[in-house]
């Protein structure tokens, strides 16, 4: 699978998600502590950008209606039957953050 350099680790502030388009995929990067996660940026409810929402620990809430996703798994946790967003493999090399896009 193609791997893309998407950011510098120093650009990713814990608690502040960043949205981007990478090779035709809309995704959000979320730094939780020292770990970076990448998942789909589009809420399954009404299509809001999760990157514009609130990140609290590993939980990212959509700014439109508050649907909340676990950035580690992509699973919607509020409501519990909200589906999921895709998750992408992340690799950090020095200060560079890479994401694998299928």
PDB file of N, CA and C in Angstrom:
ATOM      1  N   UNK A   1       0.836  -1.187   0.000  1.00  0.00           N
ATOM      2  CA  UNK A   1       0.000   0.000   0.000  1.00  0.00           C
ATOM      3  C   UNK A   1       0.878   1.246   0.000  1.00  0.00           C
ATOM      4  N   UNK A   2       0.449   2.271  -0.715  1.00  0.00           N
ATOM      5  CA  UNK A   2       1.239   3.504  -0.760  1.00  0.00           C
ATOM      6  C   UNK A   2       1.268   4.207   0.599  1.00  0.00           C
ATOM      7  N   UNK A   3       2.450   4.690   0.960  1.00  0.00           N
ATOM      8  CA  UNK A   3       2.634   5.420   2.205  1.00  0.00           C
ATOM      9  C   UNK A   3       2.924   6.871   1.848  1.00  0.00           C
ATOM     10  N   UNK A   4       2.283   7.794   2.568  1.00  0.00           N
ATOM     11  CA  UNK A   4       2.423   9.222   2.280  1.00  0.00           C
ATOM     12  C   UNK A   4       2.902   9.976   3.516  1.00  0.00           C
ATOM     13  N   UNK A   5       3.857  10.869   3.316  1.00  0.00           N
ATOM     14  CA  UNK A   5       4.252  11.758   4.411  1.00  0.00           C
ATOM     15  C   UNK A   5       3.169  12.822   4.503  1.00  0.00           C
ATOM     16  N   UNK A   6       2.546  12.944   5.683  1.00  0.00           N
ATOM     17  CA  UNK A   6       1.395  13.839   5.809  1.00  0.00           C
ATOM     18  C   UNK A   6       1.621  15.025   6.729  1.00  0.00           C
ATOM     19  N   UNK A   7       2.619  14.937   7.603  1.00  0.00           N
ATOM     20  CA  UNK A   7       2.837  16.022   8.557  1.00  0.00           C
ATOM     21  C   UNK A   7       4.161  15.823   9.271  1.00  0.00           C
ATOM     22  N   UNK A   8       4.547  16.855  10.008  1.00  0.00           N
ATOM     23  CA  UNK A   8       5.650  16.743  10.952  1.00  0.00           C
ATOM     24  C   UNK A   8       5.039  16.479  12.314  1.00  0.00           C
ATOM     25  N   UNK A   9       5.689  15.657  13.094  1.00  0.00           N
ATOM     26  CA  UNK A   9       5.186  15.360  14.435  1.00  0.00           C
ATOM     27  C   UNK A   9       5.041  16.644  15.243  1.00  0.00           C
ATOM     28  N   UNK A  10       5.954  17.571  15.038  1.00  0.00           N
ATOM     29  CA  UNK A  10       5.908  18.839  15.775  1.00  0.00           C
ATOM     30  C   UNK A  10       4.682  19.688  15.416  1.00  0.00           C
ATOM     31  N   UNK A  11       4.062  19.440  14.255  1.00  0.00           N
ATOM     32  CA  UNK A  11       2.851  20.165  13.854  1.00  0.00           C
ATOM     33  C   UNK A  11       1.602  19.643  14.564  1.00  0.00           C
ATOM     34  N   UNK A  12       1.675  18.435  15.076  1.00  0.00           N
ATOM     35  CA  UNK A  12       0.499  17.801  15.659  1.00  0.00           C
ATOM     36  C   UNK A  12       0.461  18.035  17.165  1.00  0.00           C
ATOM     37  N   UNK A  13      -0.449  18.873  17.574  1.00  0.00           N
ATOM     38  CA  UNK A  13      -0.602  19.223  18.983  1.00  0.00           C
ATOM     39  C   UNK A  13      -1.611  18.260  19.607  1.00  0.00           C
ATOM     40  N   UNK A  14      -1.259  17.631  20.728  1.00  0.00           N
ATOM     41  CA  UNK A  14      -2.224  16.748  21.381  1.00  0.00           C
ATOM     42  C   UNK A  14      -3.542  17.489  21.644  1.00  0.00           C
ATOM     43  N   UNK A  15      -4.649  16.832  21.309  1.00  0.00           N
ATOM     44  CA  UNK A  15      -5.961  17.421  21.541  1.00  0.00           C
ATOM     45  C   UNK A  15      -6.473  18.309  20.427  1.00  0.00           C
ATOM     46  N   UNK A  16      -5.676  18.495  19.353  1.00  0.00           N
ATOM     47  CA  UNK A  16      -6.093  19.353  18.252  1.00  0.00           C
ATOM     48  C   UNK A  16      -6.045  18.581  16.932  1.00  0.00           C
ATOM     49  N   UNK A  17      -7.186  18.036  16.473  1.00  0.00           N
ATOM     50  CA  UNK A  17      -7.188  17.254  15.240  1.00  0.00           C
ATOM     51  C   UNK A  17      -6.910  18.122  14.015  1.00  0.00           C
ATOM     52  N   UNK A  18      -6.341  17.482  12.992  1.00  0.00           N
ATOM     53  CA  UNK A  18      -6.030  18.171  11.737  1.00  0.00           C
ATOM     54  C   UNK A  18      -6.607  17.357  10.580  1.00  0.00           C
ATOM     55  N   UNK A  19      -7.411  17.999   9.750  1.00  0.00           N
ATOM     56  CA  UNK A  19      -7.991  17.343   8.583  1.00  0.00           C
ATOM     57  C   UNK A  19      -7.172  17.601   7.341  1.00  0.00           C
ATOM     58  N   UNK A  20      -7.212  16.643   6.405  1.00  0.00           N
ATOM     59  CA  UNK A  20      -6.472  16.793   5.158  1.00  0.00           C
ATOM     60  C   UNK A  20      -6.973  15.815   4.103  1.00  0.00           C
ATOM     61  N   UNK A  21      -6.657  16.112   2.861  1.00  0.00           N
ATOM     62  CA  UNK A  21      -6.922  15.201   1.747  1.00  0.00           C
ATOM     63  C   UNK A  21      -5.600  14.558   1.371  1.00  0.00           C
ATOM     64  N   UNK A  22      -5.584  13.237   1.309  1.00  0.00           N
ATOM     65  CA  UNK A  22      -4.370  12.503   0.951  1.00  0.00           C
ATOM     66  C   UNK A  22      -4.731  11.462  -0.096  1.00  0.00           C
ATOM     67  N   UNK A  23      -4.197  11.626  -1.289  1.00  0.00           N
ATOM     68  CA  UNK A  23      -4.389  10.660  -2.361  1.00  0.00           C
ATOM     69  C   UNK A  23      -5.869  10.306  -2.551  1.00  0.00           C
ATOM     70  N   UNK A  24      -6.735  11.317  -2.510  1.00  0.00           N
ATOM     71  CA  UNK A  24      -8.162  11.123  -2.727  1.00  0.00           C
ATOM     72  C   UNK A  24      -8.961  10.722  -1.498  1.00  0.00           C
ATOM     73  N   UNK A  25      -8.306  10.568  -0.365  1.00  0.00           N
ATOM     74  CA  UNK A  25      -9.003  10.207   0.874  1.00  0.00           C
ATOM     75  C   UNK A  25      -9.013  11.409   1.817  1.00  0.00           C
ATOM     76  N   UNK A  26     -10.164  11.683   2.396  1.00  0.00           N
ATOM     77  CA  UNK A  26     -10.287  12.750   3.397  1.00  0.00           C
ATOM     78  C   UNK A  26     -10.038  12.111   4.758  1.00  0.00           C
ATOM     79  N   UNK A  27      -8.984  12.565   5.469  1.00  0.00           N
ATOM     80  CA  UNK A  27      -8.695  11.967   6.770  1.00  0.00           C
ATOM     81  C   UNK A  27      -8.364  13.005   7.817  1.00  0.00           C
ATOM     82  N   UNK A  28      -8.405  12.546   9.062  1.00  0.00           N
ATOM     83  CA  UNK A  28      -8.090  13.391  10.202  1.00  0.00           C
ATOM     84  C   UNK A  28      -6.951  12.737  10.975  1.00  0.00           C
ATOM     85  N   UNK A  29      -5.977  13.558  11.349  1.00  0.00           N
ATOM     86  CA  UNK A  29      -4.888  13.099  12.213  1.00  0.00           C
ATOM     87  C   UNK A  29      -5.187  13.577  13.622  1.00  0.00           C
ATOM     88  N   UNK A  30      -5.006  12.689  14.578  1.00  0.00           N
ATOM     89  CA  UNK A  30      -5.258  13.029  15.972  1.00  0.00           C
ATOM     90  C   UNK A  30      -4.094  12.526  16.810  1.00  0.00           C
ATOM     91  N   UNK A  31      -3.482  13.434  17.555  1.00  0.00           N
ATOM     92  CA  UNK A  31      -2.389  13.037  18.443  1.00  0.00           C
ATOM     93  C   UNK A  31      -2.953  12.895  19.852  1.00  0.00           C
ATOM     94  N   UNK A  32      -2.795  11.699  20.389  1.00  0.00           N
ATOM     95  CA  UNK A  32      -3.246  11.400  21.745  1.00  0.00           C
ATOM     96  C   UNK A  32      -1.985  11.017  22.523  1.00  0.00           C
ATOM     97  N   UNK A  33      -1.523  11.913  23.365  1.00  0.00           N
ATOM     98  CA  UNK A  33      -0.250  11.699  24.043  1.00  0.00           C
ATOM     99  C   UNK A  33       0.863  11.715  23.014  1.00  0.00           C
ATOM    100  N   UNK A  34       1.637  10.650  22.958  1.00  0.00           N
ATOM    101  CA  UNK A  34       2.726  10.551  21.983  1.00  0.00           C
ATOM    102  C   UNK A  34       2.351   9.712  20.770  1.00  0.00           C
ATOM    103  N   UNK A  35       1.105   9.260  20.701  1.00  0.00           N
ATOM    104  CA  UNK A  35       0.659   8.414  19.606  1.00  0.00           C
ATOM    105  C   UNK A  35      -0.186   9.212  18.626  1.00  0.00           C
ATOM    106  N   UNK A  36       0.026   8.968  17.327  1.00  0.00           N
ATOM    107  CA  UNK A  36      -0.746   9.642  16.287  1.00  0.00           C
ATOM    108  C   UNK A  36      -1.651   8.608  15.620  1.00  0.00           C
ATOM    109  N   UNK A  37      -2.908   8.986  15.441  1.00  0.00           N
ATOM    110  CA  UNK A  37      -3.889   8.131  14.784  1.00  0.00           C
ATOM    111  C   UNK A  37      -4.402   8.839  13.542  1.00  0.00           C
ATOM    112  N   UNK A  38      -4.797   8.053  12.546  1.00  0.00           N
ATOM    113  CA  UNK A  38      -5.389   8.597  11.325  1.00  0.00           C
ATOM    114  C   UNK A  38      -6.666   7.818  11.039  1.00  0.00           C
ATOM    115  N   UNK A  39      -7.736   8.548  10.793  1.00  0.00           N
ATOM    116  CA  UNK A  39      -9.001   7.885  10.440  1.00  0.00           C
ATOM    117  C   UNK A  39      -9.761   8.771   9.468  1.00  0.00           C
ATOM    118  N   UNK A  40     -10.855   8.237   8.942  1.00  0.00           N
ATOM    119  CA  UNK A  40     -11.688   8.997   8.027  1.00  0.00           C
ATOM    120  C   UNK A  40     -12.208  10.250   8.706  1.00  0.00           C
ATOM    121  N   UNK A  41     -12.288  11.336   7.963  1.00  0.00           N
ATOM    122  CA  UNK A  41     -12.672  12.630   8.521  1.00  0.00           C
ATOM    123  C   UNK A  41     -14.162  12.915   8.404  1.00  0.00           C
ATOM    124  N   UNK A  42     -14.926  12.048   7.763  1.00  0.00           N
ATOM    125  CA  UNK A  42     -16.327  12.334   7.497  1.00  0.00           C
ATOM    126  C   UNK A  42     -17.238  11.521   8.403  1.00  0.00           C
ATOM    127  N   UNK A  43     -18.031  12.207   9.205  1.00  0.00           N
ATOM    128  CA  UNK A  43     -18.971  11.561  10.126  1.00  0.00           C
ATOM    129  C   UNK A  43     -20.004  10.757   9.337  1.00  0.00           C
ATOM    130  N   UNK A  44     -20.320   9.575   9.834  1.00  0.00           N
ATOM    131  CA  UNK A  44     -21.287   8.711   9.144  1.00  0.00           C
ATOM    132  C   UNK A  44     -22.717   9.195   9.295  1.00  0.00           C
ATOM    133  N   UNK A  45     -22.959  10.142  10.185  1.00  0.00           N
ATOM    134  CA  UNK A  45     -24.319  10.630  10.439  1.00  0.00           C
ATOM    135  C   UNK A  45     -24.764  11.627   9.382  1.00  0.00           C
ATOM    136  N   UNK A  46     -24.120  12.785   9.337  1.00  0.00           N
ATOM    137  CA  UNK A  46     -24.508  13.839   8.401  1.00  0.00           C
ATOM    138  C   UNK A  46     -23.348  14.396   7.589  1.00  0.00           C
ATOM    139  N   UNK A  47     -22.201  13.713   7.634  1.00  0.00           N
ATOM    140  CA  UNK A  47     -21.083  14.115   6.788  1.00  0.00           C
ATOM    141  C   UNK A  47     -20.239  15.262   7.298  1.00  0.00           C
ATOM    142  N   UNK A  48     -20.382  15.631   8.569  1.00  0.00           N
ATOM    143  CA  UNK A  48     -19.549  16.695   9.127  1.00  0.00           C
ATOM    144  C   UNK A  48     -18.091  16.271   9.182  1.00  0.00           C
ATOM    145  N   UNK A  49     -17.198  17.237   9.124  1.00  0.00           N
ATOM    146  CA  UNK A  49     -15.768  16.935   9.217  1.00  0.00           C
ATOM    147  C   UNK A  49     -15.377  16.764  10.678  1.00  0.00           C
ATOM    148  N   UNK A  50     -14.925  15.566  11.030  1.00  0.00           N
ATOM    149  CA  UNK A  50     -14.511  15.280  12.398  1.00  0.00           C
ATOM    150  C   UNK A  50     -13.338  16.151  12.819  1.00  0.00           C
ATOM    151  N   UNK A  51     -12.515  16.550  11.859  1.00  0.00           N
ATOM    152  CA  UNK A  51     -11.357  17.399  12.164  1.00  0.00           C
ATOM    153  C   UNK A  51     -11.769  18.755  12.725  1.00  0.00           C
ATOM    154  N   UNK A  52     -13.023  19.139  12.555  1.00  0.00           N
ATOM    155  CA  UNK A  52     -13.523  20.409  13.092  1.00  0.00           C
ATOM    156  C   UNK A  52     -14.178  20.210  14.457  1.00  0.00           C
ATOM    157  N   UNK A  53     -14.150  18.961  14.940  1.00  0.00           N
ATOM    158  CA  UNK A  53     -14.782  18.641  16.211  1.00  0.00           C
ATOM    159  C   UNK A  53     -13.819  18.699  17.380  1.00  0.00           C
ATOM    160  N   UNK A  54     -14.279  18.150  18.486  1.00  0.00           N
ATOM    161  CA  UNK A  54     -13.521  18.188  19.744  1.00  0.00           C
ATOM    162  C   UNK A  54     -12.893  16.830  20.013  1.00  0.00           C
ATOM    163  N   UNK A  55     -11.591  16.853  20.311  1.00  0.00           N
ATOM    164  CA  UNK A  55     -10.859  15.635  20.653  1.00  0.00           C
ATOM    165  C   UNK A  55     -10.631  15.624  22.160  1.00  0.00           C
ATOM    166  N   UNK A  56     -11.124  14.575  22.807  1.00  0.00           N
ATOM    167  CA  UNK A  56     -10.944  14.412  24.242  1.00  0.00           C
ATOM    168  C   UNK A  56     -10.379  13.013  24.471  1.00  0.00           C
ATOM    169  N   UNK A  57      -9.065  12.943  24.750  1.00  0.00           N
ATOM    170  CA  UNK A  57      -8.414  11.635  24.804  1.00  0.00           C
ATOM    171  C   UNK A  57      -8.524  11.014  23.424  1.00  0.00           C
ATOM    172  N   UNK A  58      -8.922   9.746  23.322  1.00  0.00           N
ATOM    173  CA  UNK A  58      -9.051   9.107  22.018  1.00  0.00           C
ATOM    174  C   UNK A  58     -10.425   9.300  21.362  1.00  0.00           C
ATOM    175  N   UNK A  59     -11.269  10.115  21.963  1.00  0.00           N
ATOM    176  CA  UNK A  59     -12.623  10.299  21.436  1.00  0.00           C
ATOM    177  C   UNK A  59     -12.753  11.627  20.703  1.00  0.00           C
ATOM    178  N   UNK A  60     -13.236  11.527  19.464  1.00  0.00           N
ATOM    179  CA  UNK A  60     -13.370  12.684  18.592  1.00  0.00           C
ATOM    180  C   UNK A  60     -14.845  12.871  18.250  1.00  0.00           C
ATOM    181  N   UNK A  61     -15.391  14.046  18.586  1.00  0.00           N
ATOM    182  CA  UNK A  61     -16.814  14.326  18.391  1.00  0.00           C
ATOM    183  C   UNK A  61     -17.046  15.181  17.161  1.00  0.00           C
ATOM    184  N   UNK A  62     -18.058  14.819  16.389  1.00  0.00           N
ATOM    185  CA  UNK A  62     -18.450  15.595  15.213  1.00  0.00           C
ATOM    186  C   UNK A  62     -19.010  16.940  15.667  1.00  0.00           C
ATOM    187  N   UNK A  63     -18.645  18.029  14.981  1.00  0.00           N
ATOM    188  CA  UNK A  63     -19.128  19.346  15.386  1.00  0.00           C
ATOM    189  C   UNK A  63     -20.615  19.570  15.086  1.00  0.00           C
ATOM    190  N   UNK A  64     -21.206  18.753  14.213  1.00  0.00           N
ATOM    191  CA  UNK A  64     -22.608  18.983  13.844  1.00  0.00           C
ATOM    192  C   UNK A  64     -23.593  18.482  14.895  1.00  0.00           C
ATOM    193  N   UNK A  65     -23.469  17.221  15.297  1.00  0.00           N
ATOM    194  CA  UNK A  65     -24.460  16.637  16.206  1.00  0.00           C
ATOM    195  C   UNK A  65     -23.847  15.830  17.340  1.00  0.00           C
ATOM    196  N   UNK A  66     -22.523  15.888  17.485  1.00  0.00           N
ATOM    197  CA  UNK A  66     -21.875  15.254  18.621  1.00  0.00           C
ATOM    198  C   UNK A  66     -21.621  13.762  18.523  1.00  0.00           C
ATOM    199  N   UNK A  67     -21.853  13.155  17.359  1.00  0.00           N
ATOM    200  CA  UNK A  67     -21.510  11.738  17.242  1.00  0.00           C
ATOM    201  C   UNK A  67     -20.024  11.613  17.546  1.00  0.00           C
ATOM    202  N   UNK A  68     -19.664  10.613  18.323  1.00  0.00           N
ATOM    203  CA  UNK A  68     -18.298  10.504  18.832  1.00  0.00           C
ATOM    204  C   UNK A  68     -17.650   9.199  18.396  1.00  0.00           C
ATOM    205  N   UNK A  69     -16.418   9.303  17.909  1.00  0.00           N
ATOM    206  CA  UNK A  69     -15.665   8.168  17.376  1.00  0.00           C
ATOM    207  C   UNK A  69     -14.398   7.953  18.184  1.00  0.00           C
ATOM    208  N   UNK A  70     -13.993   6.701  18.296  1.00  0.00           N
ATOM    209  CA  UNK A  70     -12.722   6.353  18.907  1.00  0.00           C
ATOM    210  C   UNK A  70     -11.685   6.368  17.786  1.00  0.00           C
ATOM    211  N   UNK A  71     -10.711   7.284  17.858  1.00  0.00           N
ATOM    212  CA  UNK A  71      -9.737   7.428  16.777  1.00  0.00           C
ATOM    213  C   UNK A  71      -8.821   6.209  16.655  1.00  0.00           C
ATOM    214  N   UNK A  72      -8.759   5.380  17.691  1.00  0.00           N
ATOM    215  CA  UNK A  72      -7.915   4.180  17.643  1.00  0.00           C
ATOM    216  C   UNK A  72      -8.533   3.094  16.773  1.00  0.00           C
ATOM    217  N   UNK A  73      -9.862   3.032  16.753  1.00  0.00           N
ATOM    218  CA  UNK A  73     -10.561   1.952  16.044  1.00  0.00           C
ATOM    219  C   UNK A  73     -11.463   2.436  14.922  1.00  0.00           C
ATOM    220  N   UNK A  74     -11.824   3.715  14.935  1.00  0.00           N
ATOM    221  CA  UNK A  74     -12.771   4.264  13.968  1.00  0.00           C
ATOM    222  C   UNK A  74     -14.220   4.014  14.336  1.00  0.00           C
ATOM    223  N   UNK A  75     -14.458   3.280  15.400  1.00  0.00           N
ATOM    224  CA  UNK A  75     -15.816   2.907  15.807  1.00  0.00           C
ATOM    225  C   UNK A  75     -16.547   4.078  16.451  1.00  0.00           C
ATOM    226  N   UNK A  76     -17.802   4.266  16.061  1.00  0.00           N
ATOM    227  CA  UNK A  76     -18.640   5.276  16.692  1.00  0.00           C
ATOM    228  C   UNK A  76     -19.023   4.755  18.080  1.00  0.00           C
ATOM    229  N   UNK A  77     -18.789   5.546  19.116  1.00  0.00           N
ATOM    230  CA  UNK A  77     -19.098   5.128  20.478  1.00  0.00           C
ATOM    231  C   UNK A  77     -20.325   5.843  21.039  1.00  0.00           C
ATOM    232  N   UNK A  78     -20.729   6.937  20.444  1.00  0.00           N
ATOM    233  CA  UNK A  78     -21.957   7.644  20.815  1.00  0.00           C
ATOM    234  C   UNK A  78     -22.603   8.170  19.550  1.00  0.00           C
ATOM    235  N   UNK A  79     -23.727   7.677  19.095  1.00  0.00           N
ATOM    236  CA  UNK A  79     -24.474   6.566  19.657  1.00  0.00           C
ATOM    237  C   UNK A  79     -23.741   5.243  19.390  1.00  0.00           C
ATOM    238  N   UNK A  80     -24.096   4.234  20.115  1.00  0.00           N
ATOM    239  CA  UNK A  80     -23.366   2.965  20.018  1.00  0.00           C
ATOM    240  C   UNK A  80     -23.596   2.235  18.705  1.00  0.00           C
ATOM    241  N   UNK A  81     -24.608   2.582  17.971  1.00  0.00           N
ATOM    242  CA  UNK A  81     -24.876   1.925  16.680  1.00  0.00           C
ATOM    243  C   UNK A  81     -24.609   2.874  15.508  1.00  0.00           C
ATOM    244  N   UNK A  82     -23.626   3.736  15.680  1.00  0.00           N
ATOM    245  CA  UNK A  82     -23.360   4.764  14.681  1.00  0.00           C
ATOM    246  C   UNK A  82     -22.433   4.366  13.555  1.00  0.00           C
ATOM    247  N   UNK A  83     -22.013   3.107  13.508  1.00  0.00           N
ATOM    248  CA  UNK A  83     -21.118   2.682  12.436  1.00  0.00           C
ATOM    249  C   UNK A  83     -19.667   3.008  12.752  1.00  0.00           C
ATOM    250  N   UNK A  84     -18.883   3.185  11.704  1.00  0.00           N
ATOM    251  CA  UNK A  84     -17.469   3.475  11.898  1.00  0.00           C
ATOM    252  C   UNK A  84     -16.909   4.227  10.705  1.00  0.00           C
ATOM    253  N   UNK A  85     -15.751   4.829  10.927  1.00  0.00           N
ATOM    254  CA  UNK A  85     -15.000   5.482   9.866  1.00  0.00           C
ATOM    255  C   UNK A  85     -13.739   4.647   9.638  1.00  0.00           C
ATOM    256  N   UNK A  86     -13.155   4.720   8.445  1.00  0.00           N
ATOM    257  CA  UNK A  86     -11.939   3.933   8.194  1.00  0.00           C
ATOM    258  C   UNK A  86     -10.773   4.404   9.059  1.00  0.00           C
ATOM    259  N   UNK A  87      -9.895   3.476   9.389  1.00  0.00           N
ATOM    260  CA  UNK A  87      -8.665   3.814  10.105  1.00  0.00           C
ATOM    261  C   UNK A  87      -7.479   3.488   9.201  1.00  0.00           C
ATOM    262  N   UNK A  88      -6.406   4.237   9.370  1.00  0.00           N
ATOM    263  CA  UNK A  88      -5.234   4.091   8.531  1.00  0.00           C
ATOM    264  C   UNK A  88      -4.002   3.865   9.399  1.00  0.00           C
ATOM    265  N   UNK A  89      -3.084   3.087   8.879  1.00  0.00           N
ATOM    266  CA  UNK A  89      -1.846   2.794   9.577  1.00  0.00           C
ATOM    267  C   UNK A  89      -0.943   4.026   9.563  1.00  0.00           C
ATOM    268  N   UNK A  90      -0.374   4.336  10.738  1.00  0.00           N
ATOM    269  CA  UNK A  90       0.504   5.499  10.896  1.00  0.00           C
ATOM    270  C   UNK A  90       1.894   5.020  11.303  1.00  0.00           C
ATOM    271  N   UNK A  91       2.899   5.652  10.698  1.00  0.00           N
ATOM    272  CA  UNK A  91       4.288   5.377  11.065  1.00  0.00           C
ATOM    273  C   UNK A  91       4.997   6.704  11.271  1.00  0.00           C
ATOM    274  N   UNK A  92       5.781   6.781  12.336  1.00  0.00           N
ATOM    275  CA  UNK A  92       6.549   7.987  12.621  1.00  0.00           C
ATOM    276  C   UNK A  92       8.031   7.664  12.451  1.00  0.00           C
ATOM    277  N   UNK A  93       8.705   8.503  11.679  1.00  0.00           N
ATOM    278  CA  UNK A  93      10.141   8.351  11.453  1.00  0.00           C
ATOM    279  C   UNK A  93      10.784   9.702  11.748  1.00  0.00           C
ATOM    280  N   UNK A  94      11.434   9.803  12.902  1.00  0.00           N
ATOM    281  CA  UNK A  94      11.982  11.094  13.313  1.00  0.00           C
ATOM    282  C   UNK A  94      10.845  12.055  13.576  1.00  0.00           C
ATOM    283  N   UNK A  95      10.816  13.165  12.813  1.00  0.00           N
ATOM    284  CA  UNK A  95       9.743  14.151  12.956  1.00  0.00           C
ATOM    285  C   UNK A  95       8.679  13.993  11.869  1.00  0.00           C
ATOM    286  N   UNK A  96       8.830  13.008  10.985  1.00  0.00           N
ATOM    287  CA  UNK A  96       7.893  12.816   9.886  1.00  0.00           C
ATOM    288  C   UNK A  96       6.811  11.800  10.221  1.00  0.00           C
ATOM    289  N   UNK A  97       5.574  12.151   9.868  1.00  0.00           N
ATOM    290  CA  UNK A  97       4.426  11.267  10.077  1.00  0.00           C
ATOM    291  C   UNK A  97       3.991  10.749   8.716  1.00  0.00           C
ATOM    292  N   UNK A  98       3.898   9.421   8.600  1.00  0.00           N
ATOM    293  CA  UNK A  98       3.487   8.773   7.361  1.00  0.00           C
ATOM    294  C   UNK A  98       2.186   8.023   7.594  1.00  0.00           C
ATOM    295  N   UNK A  99       1.316   8.039   6.576  1.00  0.00           N
ATOM    296  CA  UNK A  99       0.050   7.299   6.639  1.00  0.00           C
ATOM    297  C   UNK A  99      -0.029   6.418   5.412  1.00  0.00           C
ATOM    298  N   UNK A 100      -0.483   5.186   5.637  1.00  0.00           N
ATOM    299  CA  UNK A 100      -0.668   4.225   4.555  1.00  0.00           C
ATOM    300  C   UNK A 100      -2.102   4.311   4.054  1.00  0.00           C
ATOM    301  N   UNK A 101      -2.258   4.645   2.770  1.00  0.00           N
ATOM    302  CA  UNK A 101      -3.580   4.777   2.158  1.00  0.00           C
ATOM    303  C   UNK A 101      -3.768   3.634   1.169  1.00  0.00           C
ATOM    304  N   UNK A 102      -4.799   2.808   1.353  1.00  0.00           N
ATOM    305  CA  UNK A 102      -5.000   1.681   0.409  1.00  0.00           C
ATOM    306  C   UNK A 102      -5.392   2.167  -0.981  1.00  0.00           C
TER     307      UNK A 102
END
